[in-house]
Amino acid sequence: MTTADQDGWDGPDPARLYVITRGRSGPAGPGVFDLVTLIVSRAEPTPTMQPEHAAILRLCRSPLSVAEVSAYLELPTSVVTVLLADLLDDGRIEARAAVPKAELPERALLEAVIHGLQRL
């Protein structure tokens, strides 16, 4: 009988998640990551590296958000942020803030442009 059959839980094995994060429940430092933080690899995986760390480095050769990394690895975001914090501390990844929303010009400027175009 599987875990899902016993208690309805069909997610990753909690014991496996505990091992992956070495018992940590969150990054040690201040919260650097949110769901839209972009992650980019700055190094190649090494043979002695934890498999999940290596997978992140391979995935993030092109920028991916924390949410995308979590989805591709099929791991909870909380676990992925612990792994990303390890890689960031080692200088193996770069965390970039998501592109901010563009500020719209003031309404008066837009109206002046429209009136100027109408006069042409």
N, C-alpha and C. Protein backbone atom coordinates (compact mmCIF):
# COMPACT_ATOMS: atom_id res chain seq x y z
N MET A 1 0.84 -1.17 0.00
CA MET A 1 0.00 0.00 0.00
C MET A 1 0.89 1.25 0.00
N THR A 2 0.59 2.22 -0.87
CA THR A 2 1.40 3.42 -0.96
C THR A 2 0.98 4.43 0.10
N THR A 3 1.80 5.44 0.26
CA THR A 3 1.47 6.51 1.21
C THR A 3 0.17 7.17 0.84
N ALA A 4 -0.07 7.38 -0.47
CA ALA A 4 -1.30 8.02 -0.92
C ALA A 4 -2.51 7.18 -0.55
N ASP A 5 -2.38 5.85 -0.61
CA ASP A 5 -3.49 4.97 -0.26
C ASP A 5 -3.80 5.04 1.23
N GLN A 6 -2.78 5.23 2.05
CA GLN A 6 -2.96 5.20 3.49
C GLN A 6 -3.59 6.46 4.05
N ASP A 7 -3.11 7.63 3.62
CA ASP A 7 -3.59 8.86 4.25
C ASP A 7 -3.99 9.96 3.27
N GLY A 8 -4.08 9.66 2.00
CA GLY A 8 -4.49 10.65 1.02
C GLY A 8 -3.36 11.55 0.54
N TRP A 9 -2.19 11.48 1.13
CA TRP A 9 -1.05 12.30 0.74
C TRP A 9 -0.39 11.69 -0.48
N ASP A 10 -0.28 12.47 -1.56
CA ASP A 10 0.36 11.94 -2.77
C ASP A 10 1.56 12.79 -3.18
N GLY A 11 2.03 13.64 -2.26
CA GLY A 11 3.19 14.48 -2.54
C GLY A 11 4.48 13.75 -2.25
N PRO A 12 5.60 14.49 -2.32
CA PRO A 12 6.90 13.88 -2.04
C PRO A 12 6.97 13.32 -0.62
N ASP A 13 7.75 12.31 -0.44
CA ASP A 13 7.94 11.68 0.87
C ASP A 13 8.56 12.69 1.83
N PRO A 14 7.90 12.96 2.96
CA PRO A 14 8.44 13.93 3.91
C PRO A 14 9.84 13.58 4.40
N ALA A 15 10.14 12.31 4.56
CA ALA A 15 11.49 11.92 4.99
C ALA A 15 12.53 12.30 3.94
N ARG A 16 12.17 12.13 2.67
CA ARG A 16 13.08 12.51 1.59
C ARG A 16 13.34 14.02 1.61
N LEU A 17 12.29 14.80 1.81
CA LEU A 17 12.44 16.26 1.86
C LEU A 17 13.33 16.67 3.03
N TYR A 18 13.19 15.98 4.15
CA TYR A 18 14.02 16.25 5.33
C TYR A 18 15.49 16.00 5.00
N VAL A 19 15.76 14.91 4.29
CA VAL A 19 17.13 14.56 3.92
C VAL A 19 17.69 15.57 2.92
N ILE A 20 16.89 15.95 1.93
CA ILE A 20 17.34 16.90 0.91
C ILE A 20 17.77 18.22 1.54
N THR A 21 17.00 18.70 2.51
CA THR A 21 17.29 20.00 3.14
C THR A 21 18.19 19.87 4.36
N ARG A 22 18.59 18.66 4.69
CA ARG A 22 19.39 18.39 5.88
C ARG A 22 18.70 18.91 7.14
N GLY A 23 17.37 18.75 7.16
CA GLY A 23 16.59 19.11 8.33
C GLY A 23 16.23 20.57 8.45
N ARG A 24 16.66 21.39 7.51
CA ARG A 24 16.36 22.82 7.60
C ARG A 24 14.98 23.10 7.01
N SER A 25 14.28 24.05 7.59
CA SER A 25 12.94 24.37 7.11
C SER A 25 12.90 25.64 6.27
N GLY A 26 13.99 26.35 6.23
CA GLY A 26 14.05 27.58 5.45
C GLY A 26 15.48 28.05 5.33
N PRO A 27 15.72 29.04 4.44
CA PRO A 27 17.08 29.57 4.30
C PRO A 27 17.56 30.19 5.62
N ALA A 28 18.85 30.11 5.86
CA ALA A 28 19.41 30.63 7.12
C ALA A 28 19.37 32.16 7.17
N GLY A 29 19.60 32.81 6.04
CA GLY A 29 19.66 34.27 6.00
C GLY A 29 18.30 34.89 5.74
N PRO A 30 18.32 36.20 5.48
CA PRO A 30 17.06 36.90 5.19
C PRO A 30 16.45 36.38 3.90
N GLY A 31 15.14 36.52 3.77
CA GLY A 31 14.43 36.02 2.60
C GLY A 31 14.83 36.72 1.32
N VAL A 32 15.65 36.07 0.51
CA VAL A 32 16.12 36.62 -0.76
C VAL A 32 15.16 36.21 -1.87
N PHE A 33 14.49 35.11 -1.68
CA PHE A 33 13.71 34.52 -2.76
C PHE A 33 12.21 34.69 -2.56
N ASP A 34 11.53 35.07 -3.63
CA ASP A 34 10.08 34.95 -3.67
C ASP A 34 9.77 34.15 -4.93
N LEU A 35 8.53 33.91 -5.22
CA LEU A 35 8.17 33.03 -6.33
C LEU A 35 8.63 33.52 -7.69
N VAL A 36 8.79 34.84 -7.85
CA VAL A 36 9.16 35.38 -9.16
C VAL A 36 10.63 35.77 -9.26
N THR A 37 11.41 35.54 -8.21
CA THR A 37 12.84 35.80 -8.28
C THR A 37 13.44 34.93 -9.38
N LEU A 38 14.24 35.53 -10.25
CA LEU A 38 14.87 34.79 -11.33
C LEU A 38 16.20 34.21 -10.88
N ILE A 39 16.43 32.96 -11.21
CA ILE A 39 17.64 32.25 -10.82
C ILE A 39 18.44 31.94 -12.08
N VAL A 40 19.75 32.24 -12.04
CA VAL A 40 20.65 31.96 -13.17
C VAL A 40 21.89 31.25 -12.63
N SER A 41 22.27 30.17 -13.28
CA SER A 41 23.48 29.43 -12.89
C SER A 41 24.72 30.25 -13.18
N ARG A 42 25.69 30.16 -12.28
CA ARG A 42 26.99 30.80 -12.49
C ARG A 42 28.09 29.76 -12.51
N ALA A 43 27.72 28.47 -12.39
CA ALA A 43 28.70 27.39 -12.34
C ALA A 43 28.06 26.14 -12.93
N GLU A 44 28.91 25.19 -13.25
CA GLU A 44 28.46 23.89 -13.73
C GLU A 44 28.37 22.94 -12.55
N PRO A 45 27.49 21.94 -12.62
CA PRO A 45 27.41 20.95 -11.54
C PRO A 45 28.70 20.14 -11.45
N THR A 46 29.00 19.69 -10.24
CA THR A 46 30.16 18.84 -10.03
C THR A 46 29.68 17.43 -9.67
N PRO A 47 30.50 16.41 -9.90
CA PRO A 47 30.07 15.03 -9.61
C PRO A 47 29.75 14.76 -8.15
N THR A 48 30.35 15.50 -7.22
CA THR A 48 30.13 15.25 -5.80
C THR A 48 28.94 16.03 -5.23
N MET A 49 28.30 16.80 -6.06
CA MET A 49 27.21 17.67 -5.63
C MET A 49 25.93 16.87 -5.37
N GLN A 50 25.14 17.35 -4.44
CA GLN A 50 23.82 16.77 -4.18
C GLN A 50 23.01 16.80 -5.48
N PRO A 51 22.30 15.74 -5.84
CA PRO A 51 21.60 15.67 -7.13
C PRO A 51 20.63 16.83 -7.37
N GLU A 52 19.95 17.28 -6.33
CA GLU A 52 19.00 18.38 -6.49
C GLU A 52 19.72 19.70 -6.79
N HIS A 53 20.86 19.92 -6.17
CA HIS A 53 21.66 21.10 -6.46
C HIS A 53 22.13 21.07 -7.92
N ALA A 54 22.61 19.92 -8.36
CA ALA A 54 23.08 19.77 -9.74
C ALA A 54 21.92 20.00 -10.72
N ALA A 55 20.75 19.50 -10.39
CA ALA A 55 19.59 19.68 -11.28
C ALA A 55 19.23 21.15 -11.40
N ILE A 56 19.31 21.89 -10.30
CA ILE A 56 19.03 23.33 -10.34
C ILE A 56 20.02 24.04 -11.25
N LEU A 57 21.30 23.72 -11.12
CA LEU A 57 22.31 24.36 -11.96
C LEU A 57 22.08 24.06 -13.43
N ARG A 58 21.68 22.86 -13.74
CA ARG A 58 21.40 22.51 -15.15
C ARG A 58 20.15 23.24 -15.66
N LEU A 59 19.12 23.27 -14.84
CA LEU A 59 17.87 23.93 -15.24
C LEU A 59 18.04 25.43 -15.46
N CYS A 60 18.86 26.05 -14.63
CA CYS A 60 18.94 27.51 -14.62
C CYS A 60 20.05 28.08 -15.50
N ARG A 61 20.43 27.35 -16.52
CA ARG A 61 21.39 27.93 -17.48
C ARG A 61 20.76 29.15 -18.14
N SER A 62 19.46 29.10 -18.33
CA SER A 62 18.67 30.27 -18.74
C SER A 62 17.84 30.66 -17.52
N PRO A 63 17.56 31.94 -17.35
CA PRO A 63 16.85 32.37 -16.14
C PRO A 63 15.50 31.67 -15.97
N LEU A 64 15.25 31.20 -14.77
CA LEU A 64 13.97 30.61 -14.39
C LEU A 64 13.55 31.19 -13.05
N SER A 65 12.26 31.33 -12.85
CA SER A 65 11.76 31.81 -11.56
C SER A 65 11.82 30.67 -10.54
N VAL A 66 11.76 31.04 -9.28
CA VAL A 66 11.75 30.06 -8.20
C VAL A 66 10.56 29.12 -8.38
N ALA A 67 9.42 29.66 -8.77
CA ALA A 67 8.22 28.83 -8.97
C ALA A 67 8.46 27.81 -10.09
N GLU A 68 9.12 28.22 -11.16
CA GLU A 68 9.40 27.29 -12.26
C GLU A 68 10.37 26.19 -11.83
N VAL A 69 11.40 26.56 -11.10
CA VAL A 69 12.36 25.57 -10.61
C VAL A 69 11.63 24.55 -9.73
N SER A 70 10.78 25.05 -8.85
CA SER A 70 10.01 24.18 -7.97
C SER A 70 9.14 23.22 -8.78
N ALA A 71 8.49 23.73 -9.81
CA ALA A 71 7.62 22.89 -10.63
C ALA A 71 8.41 21.84 -11.39
N TYR A 72 9.53 22.24 -12.00
CA TYR A 72 10.34 21.29 -12.76
C TYR A 72 10.90 20.18 -11.88
N LEU A 73 11.31 20.53 -10.66
CA LEU A 73 11.88 19.54 -9.75
C LEU A 73 10.81 18.74 -9.00
N GLU A 74 9.56 19.20 -9.11
CA GLU A 74 8.46 18.58 -8.39
C GLU A 74 8.73 18.53 -6.89
N LEU A 75 9.23 19.67 -6.38
CA LEU A 75 9.52 19.82 -4.96
C LEU A 75 8.79 21.06 -4.44
N PRO A 76 8.41 21.07 -3.17
CA PRO A 76 7.78 22.26 -2.60
C PRO A 76 8.71 23.47 -2.68
N THR A 77 8.12 24.62 -2.82
CA THR A 77 8.89 25.86 -2.91
C THR A 77 9.77 26.06 -1.68
N SER A 78 9.28 25.68 -0.51
CA SER A 78 10.07 25.85 0.71
C SER A 78 11.37 25.03 0.65
N VAL A 79 11.31 23.86 0.07
CA VAL A 79 12.51 23.02 -0.08
C VAL A 79 13.44 23.64 -1.11
N VAL A 80 12.88 24.11 -2.22
CA VAL A 80 13.69 24.70 -3.28
C VAL A 80 14.41 25.95 -2.77
N THR A 81 13.75 26.75 -1.95
CA THR A 81 14.43 27.96 -1.45
C THR A 81 15.60 27.62 -0.54
N VAL A 82 15.51 26.52 0.21
CA VAL A 82 16.65 26.07 1.02
C VAL A 82 17.81 25.69 0.11
N LEU A 83 17.52 24.93 -0.94
CA LEU A 83 18.56 24.51 -1.89
C LEU A 83 19.16 25.71 -2.61
N LEU A 84 18.31 26.65 -3.00
CA LEU A 84 18.81 27.86 -3.69
C LEU A 84 19.70 28.69 -2.76
N ALA A 85 19.33 28.76 -1.49
CA ALA A 85 20.16 29.51 -0.53
C ALA A 85 21.54 28.89 -0.42
N ASP A 86 21.61 27.55 -0.42
CA ASP A 86 22.91 26.87 -0.40
C ASP A 86 23.75 27.28 -1.61
N LEU A 87 23.13 27.22 -2.78
CA LEU A 87 23.85 27.54 -4.03
C LEU A 87 24.25 29.01 -4.08
N LEU A 88 23.39 29.89 -3.57
CA LEU A 88 23.70 31.32 -3.54
C LEU A 88 24.88 31.58 -2.61
N ASP A 89 24.88 30.94 -1.45
CA ASP A 89 25.99 31.10 -0.48
C ASP A 89 27.31 30.63 -1.07
N ASP A 90 27.25 29.60 -1.92
CA ASP A 90 28.46 29.07 -2.57
C ASP A 90 28.85 29.84 -3.83
N GLY A 91 28.05 30.83 -4.22
CA GLY A 91 28.34 31.62 -5.42
C GLY A 91 28.07 30.87 -6.72
N ARG A 92 27.25 29.83 -6.65
CA ARG A 92 26.98 29.01 -7.84
C ARG A 92 25.77 29.50 -8.64
N ILE A 93 24.94 30.34 -8.03
CA ILE A 93 23.81 30.92 -8.75
C ILE A 93 23.76 32.41 -8.48
N GLU A 94 22.98 33.08 -9.30
CA GLU A 94 22.70 34.51 -9.11
C GLU A 94 21.19 34.64 -9.00
N ALA A 95 20.73 35.40 -8.04
CA ALA A 95 19.30 35.66 -7.86
C ALA A 95 19.02 37.09 -8.30
N ARG A 96 18.09 37.21 -9.24
CA ARG A 96 17.74 38.53 -9.77
C ARG A 96 16.28 38.82 -9.47
N ALA A 97 16.03 40.05 -9.09
CA ALA A 97 14.64 40.45 -8.88
C ALA A 97 13.91 40.39 -10.22
N ALA A 98 12.65 40.07 -10.17
CA ALA A 98 11.86 40.03 -11.40
C ALA A 98 11.80 41.44 -12.00
N VAL A 99 11.56 41.49 -13.27
CA VAL A 99 11.47 42.78 -13.96
C VAL A 99 10.27 43.54 -13.39
N PRO A 100 10.51 44.75 -12.88
CA PRO A 100 9.40 45.49 -12.28
C PRO A 100 8.41 45.96 -13.36
N LYS A 101 7.19 46.19 -12.92
CA LYS A 101 6.19 46.72 -13.84
C LYS A 101 6.62 48.10 -14.29
N ALA A 102 6.38 48.38 -15.56
CA ALA A 102 6.71 49.69 -16.09
C ALA A 102 5.75 50.73 -15.50
N GLU A 103 6.29 51.89 -15.22
CA GLU A 103 5.43 52.96 -14.74
C GLU A 103 4.79 53.62 -15.94
N LEU A 104 3.51 53.85 -15.83
CA LEU A 104 2.79 54.52 -16.91
C LEU A 104 3.03 56.02 -16.82
N PRO A 105 3.09 56.68 -17.98
CA PRO A 105 3.25 58.13 -17.94
C PRO A 105 2.00 58.79 -17.36
N GLU A 106 2.15 60.00 -16.95
CA GLU A 106 1.04 60.75 -16.38
C GLU A 106 -0.05 60.96 -17.43
N ARG A 107 -1.26 61.01 -16.95
CA ARG A 107 -2.41 61.19 -17.83
C ARG A 107 -2.29 62.47 -18.66
N ALA A 108 -1.82 63.55 -18.06
CA ALA A 108 -1.69 64.83 -18.76
C ALA A 108 -0.74 64.71 -19.95
N LEU A 109 0.34 63.96 -19.78
CA LEU A 109 1.29 63.76 -20.88
C LEU A 109 0.64 62.99 -22.02
N LEU A 110 -0.10 61.94 -21.67
CA LEU A 110 -0.78 61.16 -22.71
C LEU A 110 -1.81 62.00 -23.46
N GLU A 111 -2.54 62.82 -22.74
CA GLU A 111 -3.53 63.68 -23.38
C GLU A 111 -2.86 64.69 -24.29
N ALA A 112 -1.72 65.24 -23.86
CA ALA A 112 -1.00 66.20 -24.70
C ALA A 112 -0.50 65.53 -25.99
N VAL A 113 -0.03 64.31 -25.90
CA VAL A 113 0.42 63.59 -27.07
C VAL A 113 -0.74 63.31 -28.02
N ILE A 114 -1.87 62.89 -27.46
CA ILE A 114 -3.05 62.62 -28.31
C ILE A 114 -3.51 63.89 -29.00
N HIS A 115 -3.57 65.03 -28.28
CA HIS A 115 -4.00 66.29 -28.89
C HIS A 115 -3.00 66.71 -29.98
N GLY A 116 -1.74 66.52 -29.72
CA GLY A 116 -0.73 66.86 -30.72
C GLY A 116 -0.87 66.01 -31.98
N LEU A 117 -1.15 64.74 -31.82
CA LEU A 117 -1.35 63.84 -32.96
C LEU A 117 -2.61 64.20 -33.73
N GLN A 118 -3.66 64.61 -33.01
CA GLN A 118 -4.91 64.98 -33.67
C GLN A 118 -4.72 66.24 -34.52
N ARG A 119 -3.85 67.13 -34.13
CA ARG A 119 -3.60 68.37 -34.88
C ARG A 119 -2.85 68.13 -36.19
N LEU A 120 -2.18 67.00 -36.29
CA LEU A 120 -1.42 66.71 -37.51
C LEU A 120 -2.28 66.47 -38.70
